[in-house]
N, C-alpha and C. Protein backbone atom coordinates (compact mmCIF):
# COMPACT_ATOMS: atom_id res chain seq x y z
N UNK A 1 -2.74 -20.53 -2.24
CA UNK A 1 -3.46 -19.27 -2.36
C UNK A 1 -4.74 -19.27 -1.53
N UNK A 2 -5.35 -20.44 -1.36
CA UNK A 2 -6.58 -20.50 -0.57
C UNK A 2 -6.32 -20.02 0.86
N UNK A 3 -5.19 -20.45 1.43
CA UNK A 3 -4.86 -20.03 2.78
C UNK A 3 -4.75 -18.51 2.85
N UNK A 4 -4.06 -17.93 1.89
CA UNK A 4 -3.92 -16.48 1.89
C UNK A 4 -5.28 -15.81 1.76
N UNK A 5 -6.12 -16.32 0.86
CA UNK A 5 -7.44 -15.72 0.65
C UNK A 5 -8.28 -15.73 1.92
N UNK A 6 -8.08 -16.74 2.75
CA UNK A 6 -8.84 -16.85 4.00
C UNK A 6 -8.30 -15.93 5.09
N UNK A 7 -7.11 -15.39 4.88
CA UNK A 7 -6.46 -14.60 5.93
C UNK A 7 -6.10 -13.18 5.50
N UNK A 8 -6.81 -12.66 4.52
CA UNK A 8 -6.53 -11.30 4.09
C UNK A 8 -7.59 -10.34 4.61
N UNK A 9 -7.24 -9.09 4.63
CA UNK A 9 -8.18 -8.02 4.97
C UNK A 9 -8.38 -7.20 3.72
N UNK A 10 -9.39 -7.55 2.96
CA UNK A 10 -9.63 -6.90 1.67
C UNK A 10 -9.88 -5.41 1.82
N UNK A 11 -10.49 -5.01 2.93
CA UNK A 11 -10.79 -3.60 3.16
C UNK A 11 -9.58 -2.73 3.39
N UNK A 12 -8.42 -3.33 3.63
CA UNK A 12 -7.20 -2.56 3.87
C UNK A 12 -6.44 -2.24 2.58
N UNK A 13 -6.84 -2.88 1.49
CA UNK A 13 -6.18 -2.64 0.21
C UNK A 13 -6.60 -1.26 -0.31
N UNK A 14 -5.67 -0.53 -0.86
CA UNK A 14 -5.87 0.90 -1.13
C UNK A 14 -7.10 1.22 -1.97
N UNK A 15 -7.50 0.36 -2.88
CA UNK A 15 -8.66 0.67 -3.74
C UNK A 15 -9.89 -0.18 -3.41
N UNK A 16 -9.97 -0.65 -2.18
CA UNK A 16 -11.13 -1.47 -1.79
C UNK A 16 -12.38 -0.61 -1.63
N UNK A 17 -13.52 -1.24 -1.71
CA UNK A 17 -14.79 -0.52 -1.53
C UNK A 17 -14.85 0.14 -0.15
N UNK A 18 -14.26 -0.51 0.84
CA UNK A 18 -14.28 0.04 2.20
C UNK A 18 -13.54 1.38 2.28
N UNK A 19 -12.60 1.58 1.38
CA UNK A 19 -11.81 2.82 1.38
C UNK A 19 -12.26 3.78 0.27
N UNK A 20 -13.49 3.63 -0.21
CA UNK A 20 -13.95 4.43 -1.36
C UNK A 20 -13.91 5.93 -1.09
N UNK A 21 -14.02 6.33 0.15
CA UNK A 21 -13.95 7.76 0.48
C UNK A 21 -12.66 8.11 1.21
N UNK A 22 -11.64 7.28 1.02
CA UNK A 22 -10.36 7.50 1.69
C UNK A 22 -9.72 8.79 1.19
N UNK A 23 -9.01 9.48 2.06
CA UNK A 23 -8.42 10.75 1.65
C UNK A 23 -7.27 10.58 0.66
N UNK A 24 -7.19 11.51 -0.25
CA UNK A 24 -6.03 11.65 -1.13
C UNK A 24 -5.70 13.14 -1.17
N UNK A 25 -4.55 13.46 -1.67
CA UNK A 25 -4.14 14.86 -1.71
C UNK A 25 -4.92 15.62 -2.78
N UNK A 26 -5.25 16.85 -2.47
CA UNK A 26 -5.86 17.72 -3.47
C UNK A 26 -4.80 18.03 -4.53
N UNK A 27 -5.22 18.31 -5.75
CA UNK A 27 -4.25 18.63 -6.80
C UNK A 27 -3.31 19.77 -6.37
N UNK A 28 -2.06 19.62 -6.72
CA UNK A 28 -1.02 20.63 -6.45
C UNK A 28 -0.76 20.84 -4.96
N UNK A 29 -1.08 19.84 -4.12
CA UNK A 29 -0.73 19.91 -2.70
C UNK A 29 0.19 18.75 -2.37
N UNK A 30 1.06 18.99 -1.43
CA UNK A 30 2.02 17.98 -0.96
C UNK A 30 2.82 17.37 -2.11
N UNK A 31 3.06 18.17 -3.12
CA UNK A 31 3.73 17.71 -4.34
C UNK A 31 5.15 17.26 -4.04
N UNK A 32 5.90 18.03 -3.27
CA UNK A 32 7.31 17.71 -3.00
C UNK A 32 7.45 16.38 -2.28
N UNK A 33 6.64 16.15 -1.26
CA UNK A 33 6.77 14.89 -0.52
C UNK A 33 6.33 13.71 -1.38
N UNK A 34 5.30 13.90 -2.21
CA UNK A 34 4.89 12.82 -3.11
C UNK A 34 5.99 12.50 -4.12
N UNK A 35 6.62 13.54 -4.66
CA UNK A 35 7.72 13.32 -5.62
C UNK A 35 8.90 12.63 -4.95
N UNK A 36 9.21 13.01 -3.70
CA UNK A 36 10.29 12.35 -2.97
C UNK A 36 10.00 10.86 -2.78
N UNK A 37 8.77 10.55 -2.41
CA UNK A 37 8.39 9.15 -2.19
C UNK A 37 8.43 8.37 -3.50
N UNK A 38 7.88 8.94 -4.55
CA UNK A 38 7.88 8.26 -5.86
C UNK A 38 9.30 8.07 -6.38
N UNK A 39 10.17 9.02 -6.13
CA UNK A 39 11.57 8.88 -6.51
C UNK A 39 12.22 7.74 -5.73
N UNK A 40 11.94 7.67 -4.45
CA UNK A 40 12.47 6.58 -3.62
C UNK A 40 11.98 5.23 -4.14
N UNK A 41 10.71 5.16 -4.53
CA UNK A 41 10.13 3.91 -5.04
C UNK A 41 10.78 3.51 -6.36
N UNK A 42 10.91 4.45 -7.27
CA UNK A 42 11.35 4.11 -8.62
C UNK A 42 12.86 4.13 -8.81
N UNK A 43 13.58 4.89 -7.99
CA UNK A 43 15.02 5.03 -8.20
C UNK A 43 15.85 4.78 -6.95
N UNK A 44 15.21 4.44 -5.85
CA UNK A 44 15.92 4.30 -4.59
C UNK A 44 17.00 3.25 -4.57
N UNK A 45 16.84 2.19 -5.36
CA UNK A 45 17.85 1.14 -5.36
C UNK A 45 19.10 1.53 -6.14
N UNK A 46 19.08 2.69 -6.79
CA UNK A 46 20.25 3.16 -7.52
C UNK A 46 21.21 3.92 -6.61
N UNK A 47 20.77 4.24 -5.40
CA UNK A 47 21.64 4.93 -4.46
C UNK A 47 22.77 4.01 -4.02
N UNK A 48 23.87 4.62 -3.62
CA UNK A 48 25.01 3.84 -3.16
C UNK A 48 24.65 3.02 -1.92
N UNK A 49 23.92 3.62 -1.01
CA UNK A 49 23.42 2.93 0.18
C UNK A 49 21.90 3.13 0.25
N UNK A 50 21.15 2.31 -0.49
CA UNK A 50 19.70 2.53 -0.57
C UNK A 50 19.00 2.30 0.76
N UNK A 51 17.97 3.12 1.00
CA UNK A 51 17.12 2.93 2.18
C UNK A 51 16.21 1.74 1.90
N UNK A 52 16.12 0.83 2.84
CA UNK A 52 15.27 -0.35 2.66
C UNK A 52 13.82 -0.06 3.00
N UNK A 53 13.60 0.95 3.83
CA UNK A 53 12.24 1.27 4.26
C UNK A 53 12.07 2.77 4.33
N UNK A 54 10.90 3.23 3.96
CA UNK A 54 10.56 4.64 4.08
C UNK A 54 9.45 4.74 5.11
N UNK A 55 9.65 5.55 6.11
CA UNK A 55 8.68 5.69 7.19
C UNK A 55 8.03 7.06 7.07
N UNK A 56 6.73 7.07 6.84
CA UNK A 56 5.97 8.31 6.73
C UNK A 56 5.40 8.61 8.10
N UNK A 57 5.86 9.69 8.73
CA UNK A 57 5.41 9.99 10.09
C UNK A 57 4.93 11.43 10.20
N UNK A 58 4.16 11.68 11.23
CA UNK A 58 3.64 13.01 11.48
C UNK A 58 2.49 12.92 12.46
N UNK A 59 2.07 14.05 13.00
CA UNK A 59 0.97 14.04 13.96
C UNK A 59 -0.35 13.64 13.29
N UNK A 60 -1.30 13.25 14.11
CA UNK A 60 -2.62 12.89 13.61
C UNK A 60 -3.20 14.05 12.81
N UNK A 61 -3.77 13.73 11.67
CA UNK A 61 -4.40 14.76 10.84
C UNK A 61 -3.46 15.54 9.95
N UNK A 62 -2.20 15.14 9.89
CA UNK A 62 -1.23 15.90 9.09
C UNK A 62 -1.22 15.48 7.62
N UNK A 63 -1.95 14.43 7.26
CA UNK A 63 -2.06 14.05 5.86
C UNK A 63 -1.29 12.81 5.44
N UNK A 64 -0.82 12.03 6.40
CA UNK A 64 -0.05 10.83 6.06
C UNK A 64 -0.86 9.87 5.19
N UNK A 65 -2.11 9.62 5.57
CA UNK A 65 -2.96 8.69 4.82
C UNK A 65 -3.27 9.25 3.44
N UNK A 66 -3.51 10.54 3.34
CA UNK A 66 -3.78 11.16 2.04
C UNK A 66 -2.57 11.04 1.13
N UNK A 67 -1.39 11.29 1.67
CA UNK A 67 -0.16 11.17 0.88
C UNK A 67 0.03 9.73 0.42
N UNK A 68 -0.11 8.79 1.34
CA UNK A 68 0.06 7.38 0.99
C UNK A 68 -0.98 6.93 -0.04
N UNK A 69 -2.21 7.39 0.11
CA UNK A 69 -3.25 7.05 -0.85
C UNK A 69 -2.97 7.61 -2.24
N UNK A 70 -2.50 8.84 -2.28
CA UNK A 70 -2.17 9.46 -3.56
C UNK A 70 -1.00 8.75 -4.23
N UNK A 71 0.01 8.40 -3.45
CA UNK A 71 1.16 7.69 -4.00
C UNK A 71 0.72 6.30 -4.50
N UNK A 72 -0.13 5.63 -3.74
CA UNK A 72 -0.63 4.32 -4.17
C UNK A 72 -1.40 4.43 -5.49
N UNK A 73 -2.20 5.48 -5.63
CA UNK A 73 -2.94 5.70 -6.88
C UNK A 73 -1.99 5.87 -8.06
N UNK A 74 -0.95 6.66 -7.87
CA UNK A 74 0.03 6.89 -8.94
C UNK A 74 0.74 5.58 -9.29
N UNK A 75 1.14 4.85 -8.26
CA UNK A 75 1.84 3.58 -8.50
C UNK A 75 0.94 2.58 -9.22
N UNK A 76 -0.33 2.53 -8.84
CA UNK A 76 -1.24 1.62 -9.53
C UNK A 76 -1.40 2.03 -11.00
N UNK A 77 -1.53 3.31 -11.25
CA UNK A 77 -1.67 3.80 -12.62
C UNK A 77 -0.43 3.46 -13.46
N UNK A 78 0.73 3.43 -12.83
CA UNK A 78 1.97 3.11 -13.54
C UNK A 78 2.23 1.60 -13.60
N UNK A 79 1.41 0.82 -12.92
CA UNK A 79 1.59 -0.63 -12.91
C UNK A 79 2.69 -1.12 -12.00
N UNK A 80 3.07 -0.30 -11.02
CA UNK A 80 4.17 -0.68 -10.12
C UNK A 80 3.72 -0.89 -8.68
N UNK A 81 2.43 -0.82 -8.42
CA UNK A 81 1.94 -1.06 -7.06
C UNK A 81 1.84 -2.56 -6.86
N UNK A 82 2.67 -3.10 -6.00
CA UNK A 82 2.67 -4.54 -5.74
C UNK A 82 1.71 -4.90 -4.61
N UNK A 83 1.48 -3.99 -3.69
CA UNK A 83 0.58 -4.27 -2.58
C UNK A 83 0.46 -3.08 -1.65
N UNK A 84 -0.58 -3.11 -0.85
CA UNK A 84 -0.80 -2.03 0.12
C UNK A 84 -1.61 -2.56 1.28
N UNK A 85 -1.48 -1.89 2.40
CA UNK A 85 -2.30 -2.20 3.58
C UNK A 85 -2.48 -0.89 4.33
N UNK A 86 -3.71 -0.43 4.40
CA UNK A 86 -4.02 0.81 5.10
C UNK A 86 -4.69 0.46 6.42
N UNK A 87 -3.95 0.64 7.51
CA UNK A 87 -4.51 0.42 8.84
C UNK A 87 -5.53 1.51 9.13
N UNK A 88 -6.51 1.18 9.97
CA UNK A 88 -7.50 2.17 10.37
C UNK A 88 -8.12 1.77 11.70
N UNK A 89 -8.08 2.69 12.64
CA UNK A 89 -8.74 2.43 13.92
C UNK A 89 -10.20 2.84 13.86
N UNK A 90 -10.63 3.45 12.75
CA UNK A 90 -12.02 3.90 12.60
C UNK A 90 -12.85 2.96 11.73
N UNK A 91 -12.22 1.97 11.14
CA UNK A 91 -12.91 1.06 10.23
C UNK A 91 -13.87 0.15 10.99
N UNK A 92 -14.99 -0.22 10.37
CA UNK A 92 -15.88 -1.19 11.01
C UNK A 92 -15.25 -2.59 11.06
N UNK A 93 -14.21 -2.80 10.28
CA UNK A 93 -13.52 -4.09 10.26
C UNK A 93 -12.38 -4.09 11.27
N UNK A 94 -12.45 -4.91 12.32
CA UNK A 94 -11.38 -4.93 13.32
C UNK A 94 -10.04 -5.40 12.75
N UNK A 95 -10.06 -6.12 11.64
CA UNK A 95 -8.82 -6.59 11.04
C UNK A 95 -7.95 -5.44 10.52
N UNK A 96 -8.56 -4.30 10.22
CA UNK A 96 -7.78 -3.17 9.69
C UNK A 96 -6.99 -2.45 10.77
N UNK A 97 -7.27 -2.74 12.02
CA UNK A 97 -6.49 -2.12 13.09
C UNK A 97 -5.52 -3.12 13.71
N UNK A 98 -5.43 -4.31 13.13
CA UNK A 98 -4.58 -5.36 13.67
C UNK A 98 -3.48 -5.73 12.68
N UNK A 99 -2.30 -5.98 13.20
CA UNK A 99 -1.19 -6.41 12.34
C UNK A 99 -1.31 -7.88 11.95
N UNK A 100 -2.26 -8.59 12.53
CA UNK A 100 -2.42 -10.03 12.32
C UNK A 100 -2.58 -10.40 10.84
N UNK A 101 -3.23 -9.56 10.05
CA UNK A 101 -3.53 -9.89 8.66
C UNK A 101 -2.62 -9.17 7.66
N UNK A 102 -1.67 -8.41 8.16
CA UNK A 102 -0.79 -7.61 7.30
C UNK A 102 -0.01 -8.46 6.30
N UNK A 103 0.73 -9.44 6.78
CA UNK A 103 1.61 -10.23 5.91
C UNK A 103 0.81 -11.01 4.88
N UNK A 104 -0.27 -11.66 5.29
CA UNK A 104 -1.09 -12.43 4.35
C UNK A 104 -1.69 -11.52 3.28
N UNK A 105 -2.15 -10.34 3.68
CA UNK A 105 -2.75 -9.41 2.72
C UNK A 105 -1.72 -8.93 1.71
N UNK A 106 -0.53 -8.59 2.17
CA UNK A 106 0.53 -8.16 1.25
C UNK A 106 0.99 -9.31 0.35
N UNK A 107 1.16 -10.50 0.92
CA UNK A 107 1.58 -11.66 0.12
C UNK A 107 0.55 -11.98 -0.95
N UNK A 108 -0.71 -11.93 -0.59
CA UNK A 108 -1.79 -12.20 -1.55
C UNK A 108 -1.71 -11.23 -2.73
N UNK A 109 -1.51 -9.96 -2.44
CA UNK A 109 -1.42 -8.96 -3.51
C UNK A 109 -0.18 -9.17 -4.38
N UNK A 110 0.92 -9.55 -3.75
CA UNK A 110 2.14 -9.80 -4.52
C UNK A 110 1.92 -10.91 -5.53
N UNK A 111 1.27 -11.99 -5.10
CA UNK A 111 1.04 -13.11 -6.00
C UNK A 111 -0.02 -12.82 -7.05
N UNK A 112 -0.85 -11.82 -6.81
CA UNK A 112 -1.84 -11.40 -7.81
C UNK A 112 -1.25 -10.40 -8.80
N UNK A 113 -0.10 -9.83 -8.47
CA UNK A 113 0.55 -8.85 -9.35
C UNK A 113 1.05 -9.57 -10.60
N UNK A 114 0.94 -8.91 -11.74
CA UNK A 114 1.26 -9.55 -13.02
C UNK A 114 2.68 -10.09 -13.10
N UNK A 115 3.62 -9.51 -12.37
CA UNK A 115 5.00 -9.99 -12.44
C UNK A 115 5.21 -11.28 -11.67
N UNK A 116 4.31 -11.60 -10.74
CA UNK A 116 4.45 -12.83 -9.94
C UNK A 116 3.30 -13.81 -10.13
N UNK A 117 2.38 -13.51 -11.02
CA UNK A 117 1.21 -14.37 -11.21
C UNK A 117 1.59 -15.82 -11.50
N UNK A 118 2.64 -16.04 -12.24
CA UNK A 118 3.05 -17.40 -12.59
C UNK A 118 3.48 -18.21 -11.37
N UNK A 119 3.90 -17.53 -10.31
CA UNK A 119 4.33 -18.23 -9.10
C UNK A 119 3.16 -18.64 -8.22
N UNK A 120 2.01 -18.01 -8.38
CA UNK A 120 0.86 -18.25 -7.51
C UNK A 120 0.45 -19.72 -7.41
N UNK A 121 0.41 -20.50 -8.50
CA UNK A 121 0.00 -21.90 -8.38
C UNK A 121 0.94 -22.74 -7.50
N UNK A 122 2.14 -22.26 -7.28
CA UNK A 122 3.12 -23.00 -6.48
C UNK A 122 3.06 -22.65 -5.00
N UNK A 123 2.18 -21.75 -4.64
CA UNK A 123 2.04 -21.35 -3.24
C UNK A 123 1.05 -22.29 -2.58
N UNK A 124 1.46 -22.88 -1.48
CA UNK A 124 0.54 -23.78 -0.79
C UNK A 124 0.37 -23.38 0.65
């Protein structure tokens, strides 16, 4: 775990202090897309041919980060958020615009999640 701790980008995690003013959806906006994403998260593996990855795309300023932030908030409230990484080219932290710390940051969060906490001491 020490190795992971040395190689994470804490500011990229959805509820970090660095993201305290990060965008989220206003109430009653983008409801359909949020429901689609939450359905994919909670029930996607029940499909006959489940999608392994969901790609949220759109032009700059279309609300991708707000949607992802809102979905992350809901997942955290439900106890099902295992990890997050929010890239940013505007962050004062250069690590948030680099893929170099993505895997370590996600792995660190996975091992901190209550369902995998028991495995953390075995990570070297």
